[in-house]
N, C-alpha and C. Protein backbone atom coordinates (compact mmCIF):
# COMPACT_ATOMS: atom_id res chain seq x y z
N MET A 1 38.64 -48.20 69.83
CA MET A 1 37.32 -48.71 69.66
C MET A 1 36.28 -47.79 70.30
N ARG A 2 36.61 -47.29 71.47
CA ARG A 2 35.68 -46.40 72.19
C ARG A 2 35.39 -45.15 71.41
N ASP A 3 36.45 -44.56 70.77
CA ASP A 3 36.24 -43.38 69.94
C ASP A 3 35.36 -43.68 68.75
N GLN A 4 35.57 -44.83 68.16
CA GLN A 4 34.70 -45.23 66.96
C GLN A 4 33.22 -45.31 67.38
N LEU A 5 33.01 -45.91 68.57
CA LEU A 5 31.64 -46.08 69.04
C LEU A 5 31.06 -44.70 69.36
N GLU A 6 31.87 -43.81 69.97
CA GLU A 6 31.35 -42.42 70.26
C GLU A 6 30.97 -41.77 68.92
N ASN A 7 31.78 -41.83 67.91
CA ASN A 7 31.47 -41.21 66.63
C ASN A 7 30.21 -41.82 66.01
N LEU A 8 30.06 -43.11 66.07
CA LEU A 8 28.90 -43.78 65.55
C LEU A 8 27.64 -43.33 66.25
N VAL A 9 27.68 -43.29 67.56
CA VAL A 9 26.49 -42.86 68.33
C VAL A 9 26.18 -41.38 68.02
N GLY A 10 27.20 -40.57 67.88
CA GLY A 10 26.99 -39.18 67.49
C GLY A 10 26.26 -39.07 66.17
N GLN A 11 26.70 -39.83 65.18
CA GLN A 11 26.08 -39.84 63.85
C GLN A 11 24.66 -40.28 63.92
N MET A 12 24.39 -41.26 64.71
CA MET A 12 23.05 -41.84 64.79
C MET A 12 22.10 -40.80 65.45
N VAL A 13 22.63 -40.14 66.49
CA VAL A 13 21.80 -39.10 67.14
C VAL A 13 21.46 -37.97 66.16
N GLU A 14 22.49 -37.54 65.41
CA GLU A 14 22.30 -36.47 64.45
C GLU A 14 21.28 -36.84 63.37
N ARG A 15 21.24 -38.10 63.02
CA ARG A 15 20.27 -38.52 61.94
C ARG A 15 18.91 -38.89 62.53
N GLY A 16 18.76 -38.84 63.81
CA GLY A 16 17.44 -39.08 64.41
C GLY A 16 17.10 -40.53 64.51
N ILE A 17 18.07 -41.37 64.55
CA ILE A 17 17.78 -42.82 64.70
C ILE A 17 17.36 -43.11 66.09
N LEU A 18 16.21 -43.84 66.24
CA LEU A 18 15.68 -44.12 67.59
C LEU A 18 16.48 -45.22 68.23
N PHE A 19 16.43 -45.25 69.58
CA PHE A 19 17.14 -46.20 70.35
C PHE A 19 16.84 -47.62 69.99
N ASP A 20 15.54 -47.91 69.89
CA ASP A 20 15.14 -49.29 69.58
C ASP A 20 15.70 -49.77 68.24
N GLU A 21 15.65 -48.86 67.27
CA GLU A 21 16.11 -49.19 65.91
C GLU A 21 17.66 -49.45 66.00
N ALA A 22 18.37 -48.62 66.73
CA ALA A 22 19.80 -48.81 66.82
C ALA A 22 20.17 -50.11 67.51
N VAL A 23 19.48 -50.45 68.59
CA VAL A 23 19.75 -51.68 69.29
C VAL A 23 19.44 -52.90 68.46
N THR A 24 18.34 -52.86 67.74
CA THR A 24 17.91 -53.95 66.83
C THR A 24 18.98 -54.18 65.77
N GLU A 25 19.43 -53.11 65.09
CA GLU A 25 20.41 -53.28 64.07
C GLU A 25 21.73 -53.81 64.58
N PHE A 26 22.12 -53.31 65.72
CA PHE A 26 23.37 -53.80 66.39
C PHE A 26 23.24 -55.28 66.65
N GLU A 27 22.15 -55.67 67.28
CA GLU A 27 21.93 -57.05 67.64
C GLU A 27 21.96 -58.00 66.41
N LYS A 28 21.24 -57.62 65.39
CA LYS A 28 21.17 -58.44 64.15
C LYS A 28 22.59 -58.60 63.57
N LYS A 29 23.33 -57.49 63.48
CA LYS A 29 24.68 -57.58 62.90
C LYS A 29 25.58 -58.41 63.79
N PHE A 30 25.49 -58.27 65.05
CA PHE A 30 26.34 -59.04 65.98
C PHE A 30 26.02 -60.53 65.88
N ILE A 31 24.80 -60.89 65.81
CA ILE A 31 24.35 -62.30 65.72
C ILE A 31 24.83 -62.83 64.39
N LYS A 32 24.69 -62.12 63.28
CA LYS A 32 25.18 -62.56 61.99
C LYS A 32 26.63 -62.83 62.01
N ARG A 33 27.42 -61.87 62.57
CA ARG A 33 28.87 -62.02 62.64
C ARG A 33 29.27 -63.26 63.42
N MET A 34 28.60 -63.56 64.55
CA MET A 34 28.88 -64.76 65.35
C MET A 34 28.54 -66.02 64.64
N LEU A 35 27.40 -65.95 63.89
CA LEU A 35 26.97 -67.17 63.15
C LEU A 35 28.03 -67.45 62.08
N ASP A 36 28.55 -66.38 61.43
CA ASP A 36 29.63 -66.58 60.43
C ASP A 36 30.84 -67.22 61.07
N ARG A 37 31.26 -66.66 62.21
CA ARG A 37 32.41 -67.12 62.94
C ARG A 37 32.28 -68.61 63.34
N ALA A 38 31.02 -69.00 63.62
CA ALA A 38 30.77 -70.39 64.05
C ALA A 38 30.34 -71.24 62.86
N ASN A 39 30.61 -70.79 61.67
CA ASN A 39 30.21 -71.46 60.46
C ASN A 39 28.80 -72.04 60.45
N GLY A 40 27.91 -71.19 60.98
CA GLY A 40 26.49 -71.51 60.98
C GLY A 40 26.03 -72.37 62.12
N ASN A 41 26.94 -72.84 62.97
CA ASN A 41 26.62 -73.67 64.12
C ASN A 41 25.98 -72.80 65.21
N GLN A 42 24.66 -72.93 65.34
CA GLN A 42 23.97 -72.11 66.28
C GLN A 42 24.33 -72.34 67.76
N SER A 43 24.60 -73.54 68.11
CA SER A 43 25.00 -73.85 69.48
C SER A 43 26.37 -73.10 69.79
N ARG A 44 27.32 -73.23 68.90
CA ARG A 44 28.61 -72.55 69.05
C ARG A 44 28.47 -71.02 69.06
N ALA A 45 27.62 -70.54 68.13
CA ALA A 45 27.38 -69.12 68.07
C ALA A 45 26.77 -68.61 69.39
N ALA A 46 25.79 -69.38 69.98
CA ALA A 46 25.18 -68.94 71.23
C ALA A 46 26.23 -68.91 72.34
N ARG A 47 27.16 -69.88 72.38
CA ARG A 47 28.25 -69.82 73.38
C ARG A 47 29.07 -68.60 73.21
N LEU A 48 29.43 -68.25 71.95
CA LEU A 48 30.19 -67.12 71.67
C LEU A 48 29.49 -65.81 72.07
N LEU A 49 28.21 -65.78 71.90
CA LEU A 49 27.41 -64.59 72.26
C LEU A 49 27.13 -64.54 73.76
N GLY A 50 27.28 -65.68 74.45
CA GLY A 50 26.97 -65.69 75.86
C GLY A 50 25.49 -65.76 76.15
N ILE A 51 24.72 -66.37 75.20
CA ILE A 51 23.28 -66.51 75.40
C ILE A 51 22.88 -67.95 75.25
N HIS A 52 21.68 -68.30 75.66
CA HIS A 52 21.19 -69.70 75.55
C HIS A 52 20.87 -69.99 74.07
N ARG A 53 21.05 -71.20 73.70
CA ARG A 53 20.72 -71.64 72.33
C ARG A 53 19.35 -71.32 71.92
N ASN A 54 18.40 -71.45 72.80
CA ASN A 54 16.93 -71.16 72.45
C ASN A 54 16.74 -69.66 72.27
N THR A 55 17.48 -68.86 73.03
CA THR A 55 17.37 -67.40 72.81
C THR A 55 17.89 -67.03 71.48
N LEU A 56 18.98 -67.60 71.07
CA LEU A 56 19.55 -67.36 69.73
C LEU A 56 18.58 -67.75 68.63
N SER A 57 18.03 -68.97 68.80
CA SER A 57 17.04 -69.48 67.78
C SER A 57 15.84 -68.52 67.67
N ARG A 58 15.35 -67.99 68.82
CA ARG A 58 14.25 -67.09 68.79
C ARG A 58 14.58 -65.78 68.10
N LYS A 59 15.81 -65.27 68.32
CA LYS A 59 16.25 -64.03 67.72
C LYS A 59 16.48 -64.20 66.22
N ILE A 60 16.95 -65.33 65.81
CA ILE A 60 17.15 -65.65 64.37
C ILE A 60 15.84 -65.59 63.71
N GLY A 61 14.75 -66.17 64.30
CA GLY A 61 13.45 -66.12 63.72
C GLY A 61 12.84 -64.72 63.74
N GLN A 62 13.03 -64.03 64.89
CA GLN A 62 12.52 -62.68 65.05
C GLN A 62 13.07 -61.72 64.04
N TYR A 63 14.37 -61.83 63.76
CA TYR A 63 15.01 -60.92 62.84
C TYR A 63 15.14 -61.47 61.45
N LYS A 64 14.60 -62.67 61.22
CA LYS A 64 14.59 -63.29 59.88
C LYS A 64 16.01 -63.46 59.37
N ILE A 65 16.91 -63.88 60.23
CA ILE A 65 18.32 -64.05 59.87
C ILE A 65 18.45 -65.48 59.28
N ASP A 66 19.26 -65.56 58.21
CA ASP A 66 19.47 -66.88 57.61
C ASP A 66 20.42 -67.62 58.53
N GLY A 67 19.92 -68.61 59.30
CA GLY A 67 20.75 -69.32 60.29
C GLY A 67 21.38 -70.58 59.72
N ARG A 68 21.23 -70.81 58.47
CA ARG A 68 21.88 -72.09 57.90
C ARG A 68 23.37 -72.00 57.92
N ALA A 69 24.02 -73.15 57.84
CA ALA A 69 25.42 -73.26 57.90
C ALA A 69 26.07 -72.45 56.73
N ARG A 70 27.12 -71.81 57.06
CA ARG A 70 27.91 -71.09 56.08
C ARG A 70 29.26 -71.68 55.97
N ARG A 71 29.68 -71.97 54.79
CA ARG A 71 31.00 -72.54 54.59
C ARG A 71 31.99 -71.48 54.17
N ARG A 72 33.14 -71.45 54.78
CA ARG A 72 34.15 -70.51 54.37
C ARG A 72 34.86 -70.98 53.12
N ALA A 73 35.04 -70.11 52.22
CA ALA A 73 35.72 -70.49 50.93
C ALA A 73 37.16 -70.57 51.05
């Protein structure tokens, strides 16, 4: 995992991606993944993320993430 992260950071630096953009994209994808894992349950996703439920709700709005429940097929 560490090597993969090193390679990804290297690619981002080479492409001129700014730090804020990289952090934002990582955070959005991480939140989306945890919401999927929690089947859209924001309280459970917040616990998985280790953040307060209100913080998650604010970030969902900030990043315009679809926070509705997701059902696994």
